[in-house]
Amino acid sequence: MRNDDKRTEVVLTMSAEAGPHRKWRVAMPMRFMATCVSLAFLFFSGGVIWPWLTGAPAAEYMLACPFFLGGAIVGFLYSFATSLAITEDRLIVRNLGLLDWMPLQEIKSVEAGYGGLTITAHDGRVLRARAVEKPNYAQWLGRRTRADRVVEEIRFAAGLTTGRRLRGRAEG
C-alpha cells in the first residue's frame, strides 16, 4: 500500500461503502515550500502583533496582521488540506479544505495544467483540482509528469480510455 493510500479521512466520510481507490496530495517539495512560507507569515504576524501587545504606538501594524495570518492559513491549507481521490464511483476533490466531487460517469474530459487538473462534466460543470499541477517547463518541453499520470488514471476510471492502465493494473 502506497503512502498516498493511507490518508483517507475525507474520502471515507464521503463514501463509507466504497473506500478510496487512489489518492493524491500536493507534491512533497510544494508542501515543504508552502509550509515554510506559512511559517514565515506566522513569524511576521507575530512581529506585527508584538509591538501592539506591548503598548508600543504602532496601531498601523494591526492593519497588516490579518493579511499575514490569512497568508499563513492559506499556505497551511494548501499543504495539508488539498487532495484528489478516486473511489469506485466518484472523483473527490479537496481544495484548501473545501470538498467537491463528481461522479465518474459524468466526466467528459480531464486536462493537466499549471493551476492543477481541469475536470469537465458532460453538463459543462468544471471542477479544478489543485493538488496535482503540471509545471510550465514540462508543458513547454513536452515532458511527462505526475499530472499526466493522474490524468490517465482518472480517464481510465471514468471509462474515457481503454487499454493498459499505468503500472500494469489492468490489461487491455
N, C-alpha and C. Protein backbone atom coordinates (compact mmCIF):
# COMPACT_ATOMS: atom_id res chain seq x y z
N MET A 1 0.85 -1.19 0.00
CA MET A 1 0.00 0.00 0.00
C MET A 1 0.88 1.24 0.00
N ARG A 2 0.59 2.15 -0.89
CA ARG A 2 1.38 3.37 -1.00
C ARG A 2 1.02 4.33 0.12
N ASN A 3 1.93 5.25 0.39
CA ASN A 3 1.70 6.25 1.41
C ASN A 3 0.49 7.11 1.10
N ASP A 4 0.24 7.41 -0.19
CA ASP A 4 -0.91 8.23 -0.58
C ASP A 4 -2.23 7.54 -0.23
N ASP A 5 -2.25 6.22 -0.24
CA ASP A 5 -3.47 5.49 0.01
C ASP A 5 -3.83 5.43 1.49
N LYS A 6 -2.90 5.73 2.37
CA LYS A 6 -3.14 5.59 3.80
C LYS A 6 -3.96 6.74 4.37
N ARG A 7 -3.90 7.91 3.74
CA ARG A 7 -4.58 9.09 4.27
C ARG A 7 -5.94 9.23 3.60
N THR A 8 -6.97 8.73 4.26
CA THR A 8 -8.28 8.64 3.61
C THR A 8 -9.39 9.27 4.43
N GLU A 9 -9.07 10.22 5.29
CA GLU A 9 -10.05 10.72 6.23
C GLU A 9 -11.29 11.30 5.55
N VAL A 10 -11.15 12.16 4.58
CA VAL A 10 -12.32 12.79 3.94
C VAL A 10 -13.00 11.83 3.00
N VAL A 11 -12.23 11.02 2.30
CA VAL A 11 -12.80 10.08 1.35
C VAL A 11 -13.74 9.12 2.07
N LEU A 12 -13.34 8.65 3.24
CA LEU A 12 -14.18 7.70 3.96
C LEU A 12 -15.46 8.35 4.46
N THR A 13 -15.42 9.64 4.78
CA THR A 13 -16.65 10.28 5.20
C THR A 13 -17.60 10.49 4.02
N MET A 14 -17.06 10.65 2.82
CA MET A 14 -17.90 10.84 1.64
C MET A 14 -18.52 9.52 1.18
N SER A 15 -17.77 8.44 1.26
CA SER A 15 -18.24 7.18 0.71
C SER A 15 -17.74 6.03 1.57
N ALA A 16 -18.51 5.69 2.58
CA ALA A 16 -18.07 4.66 3.52
C ALA A 16 -18.08 3.28 2.89
N GLU A 17 -18.99 3.04 1.96
CA GLU A 17 -19.08 1.70 1.37
C GLU A 17 -18.04 1.47 0.29
N ALA A 18 -17.59 2.50 -0.36
CA ALA A 18 -16.58 2.35 -1.41
C ALA A 18 -15.35 3.14 -0.99
N GLY A 19 -14.39 2.47 -0.43
CA GLY A 19 -13.18 3.13 0.06
C GLY A 19 -12.37 3.73 -1.07
N PRO A 20 -11.33 4.46 -0.74
CA PRO A 20 -10.55 5.14 -1.76
C PRO A 20 -9.81 4.16 -2.66
N HIS A 21 -9.87 4.42 -3.93
CA HIS A 21 -9.16 3.61 -4.90
C HIS A 21 -7.76 4.16 -5.07
N ARG A 22 -7.65 5.47 -5.23
CA ARG A 22 -6.36 6.18 -5.34
C ARG A 22 -6.53 7.54 -4.72
N LYS A 23 -5.46 8.08 -4.15
CA LYS A 23 -5.49 9.42 -3.59
C LYS A 23 -4.16 10.11 -3.83
N TRP A 24 -4.23 11.37 -4.23
CA TRP A 24 -3.03 12.17 -4.46
C TRP A 24 -3.11 13.42 -3.63
N ARG A 25 -1.97 13.83 -3.11
CA ARG A 25 -1.86 15.08 -2.35
C ARG A 25 -0.89 16.00 -3.07
N VAL A 26 -0.73 17.19 -2.55
CA VAL A 26 0.25 18.12 -3.11
C VAL A 26 1.62 17.48 -3.00
N ALA A 27 2.46 17.64 -4.02
CA ALA A 27 3.80 17.05 -4.04
C ALA A 27 4.61 17.55 -2.84
N MET A 28 5.45 16.68 -2.33
CA MET A 28 6.21 16.98 -1.12
C MET A 28 7.05 18.27 -1.22
N PRO A 29 7.76 18.54 -2.32
CA PRO A 29 8.51 19.81 -2.37
C PRO A 29 7.59 21.04 -2.28
N MET A 30 6.42 20.97 -2.90
CA MET A 30 5.48 22.09 -2.82
C MET A 30 4.90 22.22 -1.42
N ARG A 31 4.63 21.09 -0.76
CA ARG A 31 4.14 21.14 0.61
C ARG A 31 5.19 21.75 1.53
N PHE A 32 6.44 21.39 1.32
CA PHE A 32 7.53 21.94 2.14
C PHE A 32 7.64 23.45 1.93
N MET A 33 7.62 23.88 0.67
CA MET A 33 7.74 25.32 0.39
C MET A 33 6.55 26.10 0.95
N ALA A 34 5.34 25.59 0.77
CA ALA A 34 4.16 26.28 1.28
C ALA A 34 4.17 26.35 2.80
N THR A 35 4.65 25.29 3.45
CA THR A 35 4.75 25.30 4.90
C THR A 35 5.78 26.32 5.37
N CYS A 36 6.90 26.40 4.68
CA CYS A 36 7.93 27.40 5.04
C CYS A 36 7.40 28.82 4.88
N VAL A 37 6.70 29.08 3.80
CA VAL A 37 6.11 30.40 3.59
C VAL A 37 5.06 30.68 4.67
N SER A 38 4.27 29.69 5.02
CA SER A 38 3.26 29.88 6.07
C SER A 38 3.91 30.19 7.40
N LEU A 39 4.99 29.50 7.71
CA LEU A 39 5.70 29.78 8.96
C LEU A 39 6.29 31.18 8.95
N ALA A 40 6.78 31.62 7.80
CA ALA A 40 7.30 32.98 7.69
C ALA A 40 6.17 34.00 7.91
N PHE A 41 5.00 33.74 7.34
CA PHE A 41 3.86 34.63 7.56
C PHE A 41 3.47 34.67 9.04
N LEU A 42 3.50 33.50 9.70
CA LEU A 42 3.20 33.47 11.12
C LEU A 42 4.23 34.28 11.91
N PHE A 43 5.49 34.15 11.53
CA PHE A 43 6.56 34.90 12.18
C PHE A 43 6.32 36.40 12.00
N PHE A 44 5.99 36.81 10.78
CA PHE A 44 5.73 38.23 10.51
C PHE A 44 4.51 38.73 11.27
N SER A 45 3.46 37.90 11.34
CA SER A 45 2.27 38.33 12.07
C SER A 45 2.59 38.46 13.56
N GLY A 46 3.44 37.58 14.08
CA GLY A 46 3.87 37.71 15.47
C GLY A 46 4.65 39.00 15.69
N GLY A 47 5.50 39.36 14.72
CA GLY A 47 6.24 40.61 14.81
C GLY A 47 5.34 41.82 14.69
N VAL A 48 4.22 41.65 14.01
CA VAL A 48 3.27 42.75 13.87
C VAL A 48 2.45 42.89 15.14
N ILE A 49 2.09 41.77 15.75
CA ILE A 49 1.25 41.80 16.95
C ILE A 49 2.05 42.26 18.18
N TRP A 50 3.30 41.86 18.27
CA TRP A 50 4.10 42.12 19.46
C TRP A 50 4.17 43.60 19.85
N PRO A 51 4.47 44.53 18.95
CA PRO A 51 4.50 45.94 19.37
C PRO A 51 3.14 46.43 19.87
N TRP A 52 2.07 45.91 19.28
CA TRP A 52 0.74 46.33 19.70
C TRP A 52 0.42 45.78 21.10
N LEU A 53 0.83 44.55 21.38
CA LEU A 53 0.57 43.95 22.69
C LEU A 53 1.39 44.60 23.79
N THR A 54 2.57 45.05 23.47
CA THR A 54 3.45 45.65 24.49
C THR A 54 3.17 47.13 24.70
N GLY A 55 2.22 47.68 23.99
CA GLY A 55 1.85 49.07 24.20
C GLY A 55 2.59 50.06 23.34
N ALA A 56 3.36 49.58 22.40
CA ALA A 56 4.07 50.49 21.51
C ALA A 56 3.06 51.22 20.63
N PRO A 57 3.32 52.47 20.30
CA PRO A 57 2.36 53.22 19.47
C PRO A 57 2.44 52.80 18.01
N ALA A 58 1.91 51.63 17.73
CA ALA A 58 2.02 51.10 16.37
C ALA A 58 0.69 50.50 15.93
N ALA A 59 -0.35 51.29 15.93
CA ALA A 59 -1.66 50.79 15.53
C ALA A 59 -1.69 50.39 14.06
N GLU A 60 -0.83 51.00 13.24
CA GLU A 60 -0.81 50.64 11.83
C GLU A 60 -0.34 49.21 11.61
N TYR A 61 0.37 48.65 12.59
CA TYR A 61 0.79 47.25 12.48
C TYR A 61 -0.41 46.32 12.44
N MET A 62 -1.45 46.70 13.15
CA MET A 62 -2.62 45.83 13.20
C MET A 62 -3.33 45.74 11.86
N LEU A 63 -3.13 46.69 10.98
CA LEU A 63 -3.72 46.60 9.65
C LEU A 63 -3.08 45.49 8.83
N ALA A 64 -1.81 45.21 9.06
CA ALA A 64 -1.11 44.17 8.31
C ALA A 64 -1.33 42.78 8.89
N CYS A 65 -1.69 42.70 10.13
CA CYS A 65 -1.82 41.40 10.81
C CYS A 65 -2.80 40.45 10.12
N PRO A 66 -4.02 40.87 9.74
CA PRO A 66 -4.93 39.93 9.07
C PRO A 66 -4.37 39.37 7.76
N PHE A 67 -3.59 40.16 7.04
CA PHE A 67 -3.02 39.68 5.79
C PHE A 67 -1.97 38.60 6.04
N PHE A 68 -1.12 38.83 7.03
CA PHE A 68 -0.11 37.82 7.36
C PHE A 68 -0.76 36.53 7.87
N LEU A 69 -1.74 36.68 8.76
CA LEU A 69 -2.42 35.48 9.28
C LEU A 69 -3.19 34.77 8.17
N GLY A 70 -3.84 35.52 7.28
CA GLY A 70 -4.55 34.91 6.16
C GLY A 70 -3.61 34.15 5.23
N GLY A 71 -2.45 34.74 4.96
CA GLY A 71 -1.46 34.05 4.13
C GLY A 71 -0.97 32.78 4.77
N ALA A 72 -0.78 32.80 6.08
CA ALA A 72 -0.33 31.59 6.79
C ALA A 72 -1.39 30.51 6.73
N ILE A 73 -2.64 30.89 6.93
CA ILE A 73 -3.73 29.90 6.91
C ILE A 73 -3.87 29.28 5.52
N VAL A 74 -3.83 30.11 4.48
CA VAL A 74 -3.95 29.59 3.11
C VAL A 74 -2.79 28.65 2.79
N GLY A 75 -1.58 29.01 3.21
CA GLY A 75 -0.42 28.15 2.96
C GLY A 75 -0.54 26.80 3.64
N PHE A 76 -1.00 26.80 4.90
CA PHE A 76 -1.18 25.54 5.61
C PHE A 76 -2.31 24.72 4.99
N LEU A 77 -3.40 25.36 4.58
CA LEU A 77 -4.49 24.62 3.94
C LEU A 77 -4.05 24.02 2.61
N TYR A 78 -3.25 24.76 1.85
CA TYR A 78 -2.73 24.21 0.59
C TYR A 78 -1.85 22.99 0.86
N SER A 79 -1.02 23.08 1.90
CA SER A 79 -0.09 21.99 2.20
C SER A 79 -0.79 20.74 2.70
N PHE A 80 -1.78 20.90 3.57
CA PHE A 80 -2.30 19.74 4.28
C PHE A 80 -3.78 19.45 4.04
N ALA A 81 -4.50 20.31 3.35
CA ALA A 81 -5.93 20.07 3.14
C ALA A 81 -6.30 20.13 1.67
N THR A 82 -5.37 19.76 0.80
CA THR A 82 -5.63 19.73 -0.63
C THR A 82 -5.31 18.33 -1.14
N SER A 83 -6.29 17.71 -1.78
CA SER A 83 -6.08 16.34 -2.27
C SER A 83 -7.06 16.03 -3.40
N LEU A 84 -6.81 14.91 -4.04
CA LEU A 84 -7.63 14.40 -5.13
C LEU A 84 -7.73 12.89 -4.93
N ALA A 85 -8.94 12.36 -4.97
CA ALA A 85 -9.12 10.92 -4.75
C ALA A 85 -10.13 10.36 -5.74
N ILE A 86 -9.90 9.10 -6.10
CA ILE A 86 -10.84 8.36 -6.94
C ILE A 86 -11.36 7.20 -6.12
N THR A 87 -12.68 7.08 -6.01
CA THR A 87 -13.28 5.91 -5.39
C THR A 87 -13.88 5.07 -6.51
N GLU A 88 -14.68 4.10 -6.14
CA GLU A 88 -15.28 3.23 -7.14
C GLU A 88 -16.25 3.97 -8.05
N ASP A 89 -16.89 5.03 -7.53
CA ASP A 89 -17.94 5.68 -8.31
C ASP A 89 -17.80 7.19 -8.46
N ARG A 90 -16.80 7.80 -7.84
CA ARG A 90 -16.70 9.26 -7.91
C ARG A 90 -15.26 9.76 -7.80
N LEU A 91 -15.10 11.00 -8.21
CA LEU A 91 -13.83 11.73 -8.09
C LEU A 91 -14.05 12.77 -7.00
N ILE A 92 -13.21 12.75 -5.97
CA ILE A 92 -13.36 13.65 -4.83
C ILE A 92 -12.19 14.63 -4.82
N VAL A 93 -12.51 15.93 -4.79
CA VAL A 93 -11.50 16.98 -4.84
C VAL A 93 -11.61 17.82 -3.57
N ARG A 94 -10.48 18.01 -2.92
CA ARG A 94 -10.40 18.93 -1.77
C ARG A 94 -9.40 20.01 -2.13
N ASN A 95 -9.89 21.25 -2.23
CA ASN A 95 -9.03 22.40 -2.48
C ASN A 95 -9.09 23.31 -1.27
N LEU A 96 -7.97 23.48 -0.62
CA LEU A 96 -7.88 24.33 0.58
C LEU A 96 -8.93 23.93 1.62
N GLY A 97 -9.20 22.65 1.72
CA GLY A 97 -10.14 22.15 2.70
C GLY A 97 -11.58 22.11 2.23
N LEU A 98 -11.90 22.75 1.11
CA LEU A 98 -13.27 22.73 0.59
C LEU A 98 -13.46 21.49 -0.26
N LEU A 99 -14.52 20.78 -0.01
CA LEU A 99 -14.76 19.48 -0.63
C LEU A 99 -15.74 19.59 -1.78
N ASP A 100 -15.43 18.94 -2.89
CA ASP A 100 -16.34 18.84 -4.03
C ASP A 100 -16.12 17.48 -4.67
N TRP A 101 -17.10 16.98 -5.37
CA TRP A 101 -16.97 15.67 -6.02
C TRP A 101 -17.79 15.64 -7.29
N MET A 102 -17.47 14.64 -8.11
CA MET A 102 -18.16 14.45 -9.37
C MET A 102 -18.23 12.94 -9.65
N PRO A 103 -19.40 12.43 -10.00
CA PRO A 103 -19.49 11.01 -10.36
C PRO A 103 -18.61 10.72 -11.58
N LEU A 104 -17.97 9.57 -11.59
CA LEU A 104 -17.05 9.22 -12.67
C LEU A 104 -17.75 9.17 -14.03
N GLN A 105 -19.01 8.72 -14.07
CA GLN A 105 -19.69 8.62 -15.35
C GLN A 105 -20.06 9.98 -15.94
N GLU A 106 -19.97 11.06 -15.16
CA GLU A 106 -20.27 12.39 -15.66
C GLU A 106 -19.05 13.10 -16.25
N ILE A 107 -17.86 12.53 -16.07
CA ILE A 107 -16.64 13.19 -16.53
C ILE A 107 -16.55 13.12 -18.05
N LYS A 108 -16.38 14.29 -18.66
CA LYS A 108 -16.25 14.38 -20.12
C LYS A 108 -14.79 14.48 -20.54
N SER A 109 -14.02 15.32 -19.82
CA SER A 109 -12.60 15.47 -20.16
C SER A 109 -11.80 15.84 -18.92
N VAL A 110 -10.51 15.54 -18.98
CA VAL A 110 -9.57 15.87 -17.90
C VAL A 110 -8.31 16.41 -18.55
N GLU A 111 -7.87 17.58 -18.12
CA GLU A 111 -6.67 18.21 -18.67
C GLU A 111 -5.76 18.64 -17.53
N ALA A 112 -4.45 18.49 -17.73
CA ALA A 112 -3.46 18.93 -16.74
C ALA A 112 -2.90 20.27 -17.15
N GLY A 113 -2.71 21.14 -16.16
CA GLY A 113 -2.16 22.46 -16.43
C GLY A 113 -1.43 23.01 -15.22
N TYR A 114 -0.94 24.22 -15.36
CA TYR A 114 -0.16 24.85 -14.31
C TYR A 114 -0.97 25.04 -13.03
N GLY A 115 -2.25 25.35 -13.15
CA GLY A 115 -3.10 25.58 -11.99
C GLY A 115 -3.73 24.33 -11.44
N GLY A 116 -3.39 23.19 -11.96
CA GLY A 116 -3.95 21.93 -11.50
C GLY A 116 -4.68 21.21 -12.62
N LEU A 117 -5.49 20.24 -12.25
CA LEU A 117 -6.27 19.49 -13.23
C LEU A 117 -7.61 20.17 -13.43
N THR A 118 -8.04 20.23 -14.68
CA THR A 118 -9.36 20.75 -15.01
C THR A 118 -10.22 19.59 -15.46
N ILE A 119 -11.26 19.31 -14.68
CA ILE A 119 -12.16 18.20 -14.98
C ILE A 119 -13.48 18.80 -15.44
N THR A 120 -13.92 18.42 -16.62
CA THR A 120 -15.16 18.96 -17.20
C THR A 120 -16.20 17.85 -17.26
N ALA A 121 -17.42 18.20 -16.85
CA ALA A 121 -18.53 17.24 -16.87
C ALA A 121 -19.30 17.38 -18.18
N HIS A 122 -20.16 16.41 -18.45
CA HIS A 122 -20.98 16.45 -19.67
C HIS A 122 -21.94 17.63 -19.67
N ASP A 123 -22.36 18.08 -18.49
CA ASP A 123 -23.28 19.22 -18.42
C ASP A 123 -22.56 20.56 -18.42
N GLY A 124 -21.23 20.57 -18.58
CA GLY A 124 -20.47 21.80 -18.66
C GLY A 124 -19.85 22.25 -17.35
N ARG A 125 -20.17 21.59 -16.27
CA ARG A 125 -19.59 21.94 -14.97
C ARG A 125 -18.10 21.68 -14.98
N VAL A 126 -17.33 22.60 -14.42
CA VAL A 126 -15.88 22.47 -14.39
C VAL A 126 -15.42 22.36 -12.94
N LEU A 127 -14.57 21.39 -12.69
CA LEU A 127 -14.01 21.15 -11.37
C LEU A 127 -12.49 21.29 -11.47
N ARG A 128 -11.90 22.07 -10.60
CA ARG A 128 -10.45 22.30 -10.63
C ARG A 128 -9.81 21.59 -9.44
N ALA A 129 -8.83 20.74 -9.68
CA ALA A 129 -8.11 20.03 -8.62
C ALA A 129 -6.69 20.58 -8.55
N ARG A 130 -6.38 21.29 -7.49
CA ARG A 130 -5.09 21.96 -7.37
C ARG A 130 -4.01 21.08 -6.74
N ALA A 131 -4.37 19.88 -6.32
CA ALA A 131 -3.39 19.01 -5.66
C ALA A 131 -2.32 18.51 -6.63
N VAL A 132 -2.67 18.38 -7.89
CA VAL A 132 -1.73 17.85 -8.89
C VAL A 132 -1.57 18.90 -9.98
N GLU A 133 -0.40 19.50 -10.06
CA GLU A 133 -0.14 20.56 -11.03
C GLU A 133 0.95 20.14 -12.00
N LYS A 134 0.88 20.68 -13.20
CA LYS A 134 1.91 20.41 -14.20
C LYS A 134 2.71 21.69 -14.42
N PRO A 135 4.01 21.65 -14.15
CA PRO A 135 4.83 22.86 -14.32
C PRO A 135 4.84 23.34 -15.78
N ASN A 136 4.99 24.63 -15.96
CA ASN A 136 5.04 25.19 -17.31
C ASN A 136 6.21 24.62 -18.12
N TYR A 137 7.37 24.46 -17.49
CA TYR A 137 8.52 23.95 -18.24
C TYR A 137 8.26 22.56 -18.78
N ALA A 138 7.48 21.75 -18.06
CA ALA A 138 7.17 20.41 -18.54
C ALA A 138 6.26 20.48 -19.76
N GLN A 139 5.33 21.43 -19.76
CA GLN A 139 4.48 21.60 -20.93
C GLN A 139 5.30 22.09 -22.12
N TRP A 140 6.18 23.05 -21.90
CA TRP A 140 6.98 23.60 -22.99
C TRP A 140 7.90 22.56 -23.59
N LEU A 141 8.49 21.70 -22.73
CA LEU A 141 9.43 20.70 -23.20
C LEU A 141 8.75 19.38 -23.59
N GLY A 142 7.45 19.29 -23.37
CA GLY A 142 6.73 18.07 -23.72
C GLY A 142 7.04 16.91 -22.79
N ARG A 143 7.42 17.20 -21.56
CA ARG A 143 7.77 16.13 -20.61
C ARG A 143 6.52 15.56 -19.95
N ARG A 144 6.61 14.29 -19.64
CA ARG A 144 5.53 13.58 -18.96
C ARG A 144 5.75 13.70 -17.45
N THR A 145 4.73 14.12 -16.74
CA THR A 145 4.86 14.37 -15.31
C THR A 145 3.83 13.58 -14.52
N ARG A 146 3.87 13.76 -13.23
CA ARG A 146 2.91 13.13 -12.33
C ARG A 146 1.48 13.52 -12.72
N ALA A 147 1.29 14.77 -13.11
CA ALA A 147 -0.04 15.23 -13.51
C ALA A 147 -0.56 14.44 -14.71
N ASP A 148 0.30 14.13 -15.66
CA ASP A 148 -0.12 13.33 -16.82
C ASP A 148 -0.53 11.93 -16.40
N ARG A 149 0.19 11.35 -15.46
CA ARG A 149 -0.17 10.01 -14.98
C ARG A 149 -1.50 10.02 -14.24
N VAL A 150 -1.75 11.09 -13.47
CA VAL A 150 -3.02 11.20 -12.76
C VAL A 150 -4.16 11.39 -13.75
N VAL A 151 -3.94 12.18 -14.79
CA VAL A 151 -4.96 12.37 -15.83
C VAL A 151 -5.31 11.02 -16.46
N GLU A 152 -4.31 10.21 -16.74
CA GLU A 152 -4.57 8.88 -17.31
C GLU A 152 -5.37 8.01 -16.35
N GLU A 153 -5.03 8.06 -15.07
CA GLU A 153 -5.76 7.28 -14.07
C GLU A 153 -7.24 7.69 -14.02
N ILE A 154 -7.48 9.00 -14.03
CA ILE A 154 -8.86 9.49 -13.97
C ILE A 154 -9.61 9.12 -15.24
N ARG A 155 -8.98 9.30 -16.39
CA ARG A 155 -9.63 8.94 -17.66
C ARG A 155 -9.97 7.45 -17.70
N PHE A 156 -9.05 6.63 -17.21
CA PHE A 156 -9.30 5.19 -17.19
C PHE A 156 -10.45 4.85 -16.26
N ALA A 157 -10.46 5.46 -15.06
CA ALA A 157 -11.52 5.19 -14.09
C ALA A 157 -12.88 5.67 -14.59
N ALA A 158 -12.89 6.75 -15.36
CA ALA A 158 -14.14 7.28 -15.90
C ALA A 158 -14.58 6.58 -17.18
N GLY A 159 -13.75 5.68 -17.70
CA GLY A 159 -14.09 4.96 -18.91
C GLY A 159 -13.87 5.77 -20.18
N LEU A 160 -13.06 6.80 -20.10
CA LEU A 160 -12.79 7.63 -21.29
C LEU A 160 -11.71 7.02 -22.18
N THR A 161 -10.88 6.16 -21.62
CA THR A 161 -9.85 5.49 -22.41
C THR A 161 -9.92 4.00 -22.15
N THR A 162 -9.47 3.26 -23.11
CA THR A 162 -9.37 1.82 -22.93
C THR A 162 -7.91 1.46 -23.09
N GLY A 163 -7.59 0.25 -22.80
CA GLY A 163 -6.20 -0.16 -22.96
C GLY A 163 -5.55 -0.38 -21.63
N ARG A 164 -4.26 -0.49 -21.68
CA ARG A 164 -3.49 -0.84 -20.49
C ARG A 164 -3.37 0.35 -19.56
N ARG A 165 -3.67 0.14 -18.32
CA ARG A 165 -3.58 1.18 -17.32
C ARG A 165 -2.16 1.27 -16.80
N LEU A 166 -1.84 2.37 -16.15
CA LEU A 166 -0.49 2.61 -15.63
C LEU A 166 -0.06 1.51 -14.67
N ARG A 167 1.20 1.24 -14.64
CA ARG A 167 1.83 0.30 -13.72
C ARG A 167 1.19 -1.10 -13.79
N GLY A 168 0.64 -1.44 -14.93
CA GLY A 168 0.15 -2.80 -15.15
C GLY A 168 -1.05 -3.18 -14.32
N ARG A 169 -1.89 -2.24 -13.92
CA ARG A 169 -3.03 -2.56 -13.07
C ARG A 169 -4.20 -3.16 -13.84
N ALA A 170 -4.26 -2.94 -15.11
CA ALA A 170 -5.35 -3.53 -15.89
C ALA A 170 -4.80 -3.88 -17.25
N GLU A 171 -5.41 -4.79 -17.90
CA GLU A 171 -4.94 -5.17 -19.22
C GLU A 171 -5.97 -4.75 -20.24
N GLY A 172 -5.54 -4.62 -21.43
CA GLY A 172 -6.49 -4.17 -22.42
C GLY A 172 -6.12 -4.66 -23.72
